[in-house]
Amino acid sequence: MSEENKVQEPAPPKMPWEEKPVPPQPQDAREHPLVRELERAVPGAVVEAVEFAGQVSVVVGLEQLMAVLSALKGLGYKFLVDLTAVDWKDRPEGRFDVVYWLHRHADSARLRVKVRVADGVEVPTAVELWPTANWMEREVFDMFGIYFANHPNLERILTWEGFSGHPLRKDFPIEGVDTGAAVYPDIYPPGGGPVKPKGGA
């Protein structure tokens, strides 16, 4: 068969990952059913609502945080998936976001609640609503230095008492800090190693 008479095979369709990806764009979510449900429960609590990549996030004021969390627990969000923080070091309206990721088993709804707080401002503990918040808040305290008011045992959980700084803050040195433990293994000055057992060597 000559080259002229050859039947051209159709090009195979491109796979999704071969197409030029279109990054998702954040959308205003004020009218989203989950946000409207929260607004009915706690009127005026939502400062901002965004849907991004299929996830709905709301920002609420610190003074209404517990009312919002309590209302959401009553609305069936009985599973605290995660409680963490984000450091926006130079943001004037509050350095940190404290983030609560909630799940409702009845309809698999998920909602992310954020509250903006300045450095040194206490956030009320959520332990009475979700006991698992105990360790999550301790991790946020340890890594970011955010205090949770009325927490039953707010101690470091990943580093030791006396450790210098909070490793997930944006101004914490990327190379870490010299704990001194390698040089002075029997001394451990403040920030220099685990606390010695009481009465031990």
C-alpha atoms as a PDB file:
ATOM      1  CA  MET A   1       0.000   0.000   0.000  1.00  0.00           C
ATOM      2  CA  SER A   2       1.396   3.346  -0.961  1.00  0.00           C
ATOM      3  CA  GLU A   3       2.008   6.084   1.517  1.00  0.00           C
ATOM      4  CA  GLU A   4      -0.790   8.100  -0.105  1.00  0.00           C
ATOM      5  CA  ASN A   5      -3.410   5.388   0.500  1.00  0.00           C
ATOM      6  CA  LYS A   6      -2.549   4.707   4.134  1.00  0.00           C
ATOM      7  CA  VAL A   7      -5.464   5.335   6.474  1.00  0.00           C
ATOM      8  CA  GLN A   8      -4.561   7.822   9.149  1.00  0.00           C
ATOM      9  CA  GLU A   9      -5.196   6.397  12.596  1.00  0.00           C
ATOM     10  CA  PRO A  10      -7.072   8.846  14.814  1.00  0.00           C
ATOM     11  CA  ALA A  11      -4.935  10.299  17.562  1.00  0.00           C
ATOM     12  CA  PRO A  12      -5.661   8.693  20.942  1.00  0.00           C
ATOM     13  CA  PRO A  13      -7.617  10.928  23.302  1.00  0.00           C
ATOM     14  CA  LYS A  14      -5.539  12.823  25.813  1.00  0.00           C
ATOM     15  CA  MET A  15      -5.627  11.637  29.366  1.00  0.00           C
ATOM     16  CA  PRO A  16      -6.811  14.124  32.008  1.00  0.00           C
ATOM     17  CA  TRP A  17      -3.281  14.678  33.305  1.00  0.00           C
ATOM     18  CA  GLU A  18      -2.085  15.520  29.769  1.00  0.00           C
ATOM     19  CA  GLU A  19      -4.541  18.361  29.405  1.00  0.00           C
ATOM     20  CA  LYS A  20      -3.512  21.788  30.600  1.00  0.00           C
ATOM     21  CA  PRO A  21      -4.671  21.843  34.219  1.00  0.00           C
ATOM     22  CA  VAL A  22      -7.069  24.577  35.209  1.00  0.00           C
ATOM     23  CA  PRO A  23      -6.385  25.509  38.836  1.00  0.00           C
ATOM     24  CA  PRO A  24      -9.504  25.798  40.988  1.00  0.00           C
ATOM     25  CA  GLN A  25     -10.551  29.298  41.929  1.00  0.00           C
ATOM     26  CA  PRO A  26     -12.018  30.284  45.300  1.00  0.00           C
ATOM     27  CA  GLN A  27     -15.720  31.125  45.120  1.00  0.00           C
ATOM     28  CA  ASP A  28     -17.890  33.120  47.497  1.00  0.00           C
ATOM     29  CA  ALA A  29     -19.872  30.582  49.543  1.00  0.00           C
ATOM     30  CA  ARG A  30     -22.281  32.810  51.464  1.00  0.00           C
ATOM     31  CA  GLU A  31     -25.228  31.101  49.782  1.00  0.00           C
ATOM     32  CA  HIS A  32     -23.890  27.566  50.181  1.00  0.00           C
ATOM     33  CA  PRO A  33     -26.389  25.379  52.087  1.00  0.00           C
ATOM     34  CA  LEU A  34     -23.871  24.541  54.827  1.00  0.00           C
ATOM     35  CA  VAL A  35     -23.087  28.219  55.392  1.00  0.00           C
ATOM     36  CA  ARG A  36     -26.757  29.235  55.387  1.00  0.00           C
ATOM     37  CA  GLU A  37     -27.482  26.481  57.907  1.00  0.00           C
ATOM     38  CA  LEU A  38     -24.786  27.889  60.220  1.00  0.00           C
ATOM     39  CA  GLU A  39     -26.047  31.453  59.735  1.00  0.00           C
ATOM     40  CA  ARG A  40     -29.534  30.378  60.795  1.00  0.00           C
ATOM     41  CA  ALA A  41     -28.100  28.785  63.929  1.00  0.00           C
ATOM     42  CA  VAL A  42     -25.801  31.703  64.861  1.00  0.00           C
ATOM     43  CA  PRO A  43     -26.928  34.827  62.983  1.00  0.00           C
ATOM     44  CA  GLY A  44     -24.152  37.187  61.971  1.00  0.00           C
ATOM     45  CA  ALA A  45     -21.360  34.818  63.018  1.00  0.00           C
ATOM     46  CA  VAL A  46     -19.876  34.250  59.543  1.00  0.00           C
ATOM     47  CA  VAL A  47     -17.356  36.923  58.608  1.00  0.00           C
ATOM     48  CA  GLU A  48     -16.290  35.255  55.369  1.00  0.00           C
ATOM     49  CA  ALA A  49     -17.251  32.100  53.465  1.00  0.00           C
ATOM     50  CA  VAL A  50     -15.291  30.519  50.612  1.00  0.00           C
ATOM     51  CA  GLU A  51     -15.613  27.337  48.585  1.00  0.00           C
ATOM     52  CA  PHE A  52     -12.348  26.093  47.109  1.00  0.00           C
ATOM     53  CA  ALA A  53     -11.718  22.754  45.401  1.00  0.00           C
ATOM     54  CA  GLY A  54     -15.037  21.449  46.718  1.00  0.00           C
ATOM     55  CA  GLN A  55     -14.278  22.415  50.333  1.00  0.00           C
ATOM     56  CA  VAL A  56     -16.267  25.023  52.256  1.00  0.00           C
ATOM     57  CA  SER A  57     -14.497  27.256  54.792  1.00  0.00           C
ATOM     58  CA  VAL A  58     -15.960  29.930  57.029  1.00  0.00           C
ATOM     59  CA  VAL A  59     -14.190  32.596  59.060  1.00  0.00           C
ATOM     60  CA  VAL A  60     -15.825  33.560  62.348  1.00  0.00           C
ATOM     61  CA  GLY A  61     -14.962  36.073  65.042  1.00  0.00           C
ATOM     62  CA  LEU A  62     -13.161  34.940  68.175  1.00  0.00           C
ATOM     63  CA  GLU A  63     -15.968  36.229  70.398  1.00  0.00           C
ATOM     64  CA  GLN A  64     -18.463  33.939  68.633  1.00  0.00           C
ATOM     65  CA  LEU A  65     -16.210  30.924  68.167  1.00  0.00           C
ATOM     66  CA  MET A  66     -17.669  28.798  70.972  1.00  0.00           C
ATOM     67  CA  ALA A  67     -21.246  29.628  69.995  1.00  0.00           C
ATOM     68  CA  VAL A  68     -20.433  28.534  66.434  1.00  0.00           C
ATOM     69  CA  LEU A  69     -18.678  25.325  67.461  1.00  0.00           C
ATOM     70  CA  SER A  70     -21.459  24.432  69.914  1.00  0.00           C
ATOM     71  CA  ALA A  71     -24.117  25.071  67.257  1.00  0.00           C
ATOM     72  CA  LEU A  72     -22.261  22.931  64.725  1.00  0.00           C
ATOM     73  CA  LYS A  73     -21.967  20.089  67.237  1.00  0.00           C
ATOM     74  CA  GLY A  74     -25.734  20.358  67.708  1.00  0.00           C
ATOM     75  CA  LEU A  75     -26.189  20.301  63.924  1.00  0.00           C
ATOM     76  CA  GLY A  76     -24.543  16.894  63.787  1.00  0.00           C
ATOM     77  CA  TYR A  77     -20.859  17.712  63.295  1.00  0.00           C
ATOM     78  CA  LYS A  78     -19.796  15.209  65.908  1.00  0.00           C
ATOM     79  CA  PHE A  79     -16.386  14.337  64.406  1.00  0.00           C
ATOM     80  CA  LEU A  80     -13.506  16.774  64.803  1.00  0.00           C
ATOM     81  CA  VAL A  81     -11.293  15.643  61.925  1.00  0.00           C
ATOM     82  CA  ASP A  82      -8.470  18.032  62.726  1.00  0.00           C
ATOM     83  CA  LEU A  83      -7.600  21.132  64.709  1.00  0.00           C
ATOM     84  CA  THR A  84      -4.526  22.995  63.555  1.00  0.00           C
ATOM     85  CA  ALA A  85      -3.183  26.468  62.824  1.00  0.00           C
ATOM     86  CA  VAL A  86      -1.561  28.518  60.067  1.00  0.00           C
ATOM     87  CA  ASP A  87       0.987  31.273  60.634  1.00  0.00           C
ATOM     88  CA  TRP A  88       0.538  34.404  58.478  1.00  0.00           C
ATOM     89  CA  LYS A  89       3.478  36.175  60.137  1.00  0.00           C
ATOM     90  CA  ASP A  90       2.918  39.688  58.761  1.00  0.00           C
ATOM     91  CA  ARG A  91      -0.878  39.726  58.467  1.00  0.00           C
ATOM     92  CA  PRO A  92      -2.180  42.834  60.252  1.00  0.00           C
ATOM     93  CA  GLU A  93      -5.616  41.428  61.163  1.00  0.00           C
ATOM     94  CA  GLY A  94      -4.135  38.599  63.233  1.00  0.00           C
ATOM     95  CA  ARG A  95      -1.049  36.484  62.789  1.00  0.00           C
ATOM     96  CA  PHE A  96      -2.679  33.065  63.132  1.00  0.00           C
ATOM     97  CA  ASP A  97      -5.620  31.132  61.795  1.00  0.00           C
ATOM     98  CA  VAL A  98      -6.818  28.447  64.185  1.00  0.00           C
ATOM     99  CA  VAL A  99      -8.593  25.897  61.993  1.00  0.00           C
ATOM    100  CA  TYR A 100     -11.285  23.357  62.911  1.00  0.00           C
ATOM    101  CA  TRP A 101     -12.205  20.715  60.322  1.00  0.00           C
ATOM    102  CA  LEU A 102     -15.582  19.157  61.110  1.00  0.00           C
ATOM    103  CA  HIS A 103     -17.434  16.164  59.659  1.00  0.00           C
ATOM    104  CA  ARG A 104     -21.095  15.162  59.846  1.00  0.00           C
ATOM    105  CA  HIS A 105     -21.643  11.454  59.337  1.00  0.00           C
ATOM    106  CA  ALA A 106     -25.361  11.717  58.481  1.00  0.00           C
ATOM    107  CA  ASP A 107     -24.726  13.315  55.076  1.00  0.00           C
ATOM    108  CA  SER A 108     -20.897  13.317  54.879  1.00  0.00           C
ATOM    109  CA  ALA A 109     -20.875  17.119  55.061  1.00  0.00           C
ATOM    110  CA  ARG A 110     -17.543  18.711  55.904  1.00  0.00           C
ATOM    111  CA  LEU A 111     -16.990  22.267  57.056  1.00  0.00           C
ATOM    112  CA  ARG A 112     -13.803  24.104  57.899  1.00  0.00           C
ATOM    113  CA  VAL A 113     -14.074  26.830  60.554  1.00  0.00           C
ATOM    114  CA  LYS A 114     -11.305  29.414  60.933  1.00  0.00           C
ATOM    115  CA  VAL A 115     -10.732  32.080  63.540  1.00  0.00           C
ATOM    116  CA  ARG A 116      -8.063  34.777  63.207  1.00  0.00           C
ATOM    117  CA  VAL A 117      -6.063  35.563  66.328  1.00  0.00           C
ATOM    118  CA  ALA A 118      -3.157  37.827  67.144  1.00  0.00           C
ATOM    119  CA  ASP A 119       0.008  36.534  68.785  1.00  0.00           C
ATOM    120  CA  GLY A 120      -0.541  36.191  72.528  1.00  0.00           C
ATOM    121  CA  VAL A 121      -4.346  36.085  72.328  1.00  0.00           C
ATOM    122  CA  GLU A 122      -5.949  33.057  73.980  1.00  0.00           C
ATOM    123  CA  VAL A 123      -8.459  30.847  72.168  1.00  0.00           C
ATOM    124  CA  PRO A 124     -11.124  29.034  74.221  1.00  0.00           C
ATOM    125  CA  THR A 125     -10.573  25.303  74.404  1.00  0.00           C
ATOM    126  CA  ALA A 126     -12.883  22.964  72.494  1.00  0.00           C
ATOM    127  CA  VAL A 127     -12.152  19.982  74.745  1.00  0.00           C
ATOM    128  CA  GLU A 128     -15.635  19.942  76.289  1.00  0.00           C
ATOM    129  CA  LEU A 129     -17.179  19.636  72.815  1.00  0.00           C
ATOM    130  CA  TRP A 130     -14.676  17.178  71.347  1.00  0.00           C
ATOM    131  CA  PRO A 131     -12.394  15.449  73.881  1.00  0.00           C
ATOM    132  CA  THR A 132      -9.930  14.648  71.093  1.00  0.00           C
ATOM    133  CA  ALA A 133      -9.225  18.394  70.883  1.00  0.00           C
ATOM    134  CA  ASN A 134      -7.080  17.894  73.995  1.00  0.00           C
ATOM    135  CA  TRP A 135      -4.053  16.536  72.150  1.00  0.00           C
ATOM    136  CA  MET A 136      -4.710  18.602  69.022  1.00  0.00           C
ATOM    137  CA  GLU A 137      -4.646  21.842  71.014  1.00  0.00           C
ATOM    138  CA  ARG A 138      -1.485  20.736  72.790  1.00  0.00           C
ATOM    139  CA  GLU A 139       0.161  20.220  69.405  1.00  0.00           C
ATOM    140  CA  VAL A 140      -0.934  23.683  68.220  1.00  0.00           C
ATOM    141  CA  PHE A 141       0.381  25.180  71.485  1.00  0.00           C
ATOM    142  CA  ASP A 142       3.691  23.351  71.069  1.00  0.00           C
ATOM    143  CA  MET A 143       4.236  24.071  67.383  1.00  0.00           C
ATOM    144  CA  PHE A 144       2.767  27.616  67.160  1.00  0.00           C
ATOM    145  CA  GLY A 145       2.703  28.973  70.724  1.00  0.00           C
ATOM    146  CA  ILE A 146      -1.064  29.579  70.697  1.00  0.00           C
ATOM    147  CA  TYR A 147      -2.659  29.332  74.148  1.00  0.00           C
ATOM    148  CA  PHE A 148      -6.044  27.675  74.736  1.00  0.00           C
ATOM    149  CA  ALA A 149      -7.927  29.064  77.715  1.00  0.00           C
ATOM    150  CA  ASN A 150      -9.210  26.497  80.252  1.00  0.00           C
ATOM    151  CA  HIS A 151      -7.394  23.597  78.597  1.00  0.00           C
ATOM    152  CA  PRO A 152      -7.071  20.798  81.177  1.00  0.00           C
ATOM    153  CA  ASN A 153      -3.359  20.137  80.570  1.00  0.00           C
ATOM    154  CA  LEU A 154      -1.736  22.607  78.162  1.00  0.00           C
ATOM    155  CA  GLU A 155       1.784  21.219  77.939  1.00  0.00           C
ATOM    156  CA  ARG A 156       4.110  20.584  75.039  1.00  0.00           C
ATOM    157  CA  ILE A 157       3.495  17.294  73.281  1.00  0.00           C
ATOM    158  CA  LEU A 158       6.162  16.973  70.554  1.00  0.00           C
ATOM    159  CA  THR A 159       9.027  18.924  72.101  1.00  0.00           C
ATOM    160  CA  TRP A 160      10.011  19.159  75.740  1.00  0.00           C
ATOM    161  CA  GLU A 161       9.296  21.721  78.453  1.00  0.00           C
ATOM    162  CA  GLY A 162      11.934  24.420  78.162  1.00  0.00           C
ATOM    163  CA  PHE A 163      12.360  24.024  74.400  1.00  0.00           C
ATOM    164  CA  SER A 164      13.203  27.354  72.780  1.00  0.00           C
ATOM    165  CA  GLY A 165      10.564  28.532  70.300  1.00  0.00           C
ATOM    166  CA  HIS A 166       7.752  26.982  68.317  1.00  0.00           C
ATOM    167  CA  PRO A 167       8.891  25.049  65.234  1.00  0.00           C
ATOM    168  CA  LEU A 168       5.953  25.787  62.877  1.00  0.00           C
ATOM    169  CA  ARG A 169       6.141  29.556  63.254  1.00  0.00           C
ATOM    170  CA  LYS A 170       7.386  31.247  60.091  1.00  0.00           C
ATOM    171  CA  ASP A 171      10.195  32.962  62.001  1.00  0.00           C
ATOM    172  CA  PHE A 172      11.561  29.721  63.498  1.00  0.00           C
ATOM    173  CA  PRO A 173      15.015  29.016  61.952  1.00  0.00           C
ATOM    174  CA  ILE A 174      14.794  26.562  59.040  1.00  0.00           C
ATOM    175  CA  GLU A 175      18.011  24.936  60.216  1.00  0.00           C
ATOM    176  CA  GLY A 176      16.510  24.439  63.678  1.00  0.00           C
ATOM    177  CA  VAL A 177      18.011  25.533  66.974  1.00  0.00           C
ATOM    178  CA  ASP A 178      21.084  24.261  68.771  1.00  0.00           C
ATOM    179  CA  THR A 179      19.676  22.420  71.751  1.00  0.00           C
ATOM    180  CA  GLY A 180      23.102  21.907  73.267  1.00  0.00           C
ATOM    181  CA  ALA A 181      22.186  18.335  74.075  1.00  0.00           C
ATOM    182  CA  ALA A 182      24.987  16.902  71.922  1.00  0.00           C
ATOM    183  CA  VAL A 183      27.574  19.082  73.637  1.00  0.00           C
ATOM    184  CA  TYR A 184      26.179  19.015  77.188  1.00  0.00           C
ATOM    185  CA  PRO A 185      24.266  15.738  77.425  1.00  0.00           C
ATOM    186  CA  ASP A 186      24.230  15.779  81.250  1.00  0.00           C
ATOM    187  CA  ILE A 187      23.211  19.400  81.751  1.00  0.00           C
ATOM    188  CA  TYR A 188      20.303  20.330  79.418  1.00  0.00           C
ATOM    189  CA  PRO A 189      19.980  24.093  80.008  1.00  0.00           C
ATOM    190  CA  PRO A 190      16.634  25.741  79.176  1.00  0.00           C
ATOM    191  CA  GLY A 191      15.892  24.772  75.604  1.00  0.00           C
ATOM    192  CA  GLY A 192      18.730  22.283  75.655  1.00  0.00           C
ATOM    193  CA  GLY A 193      17.073  18.916  76.004  1.00  0.00           C
ATOM    194  CA  PRO A 194      14.415  16.864  77.745  1.00  0.00           C
ATOM    195  CA  VAL A 195      13.571  17.638  81.342  1.00  0.00           C
ATOM    196  CA  LYS A 196      15.514  15.443  83.750  1.00  0.00           C
ATOM    197  CA  PRO A 197      13.433  13.066  85.870  1.00  0.00           C
ATOM    198  CA  LYS A 198      12.915  14.421  89.386  1.00  0.00           C
ATOM    199  CA  GLY A 199      15.463  12.932  91.731  1.00  0.00           C
ATOM    200  CA  GLY A 200      17.254  11.211  88.840  1.00  0.00           C
ATOM    201  CA  ALA A 201      20.666  11.751  87.315  1.00  0.00           C
END
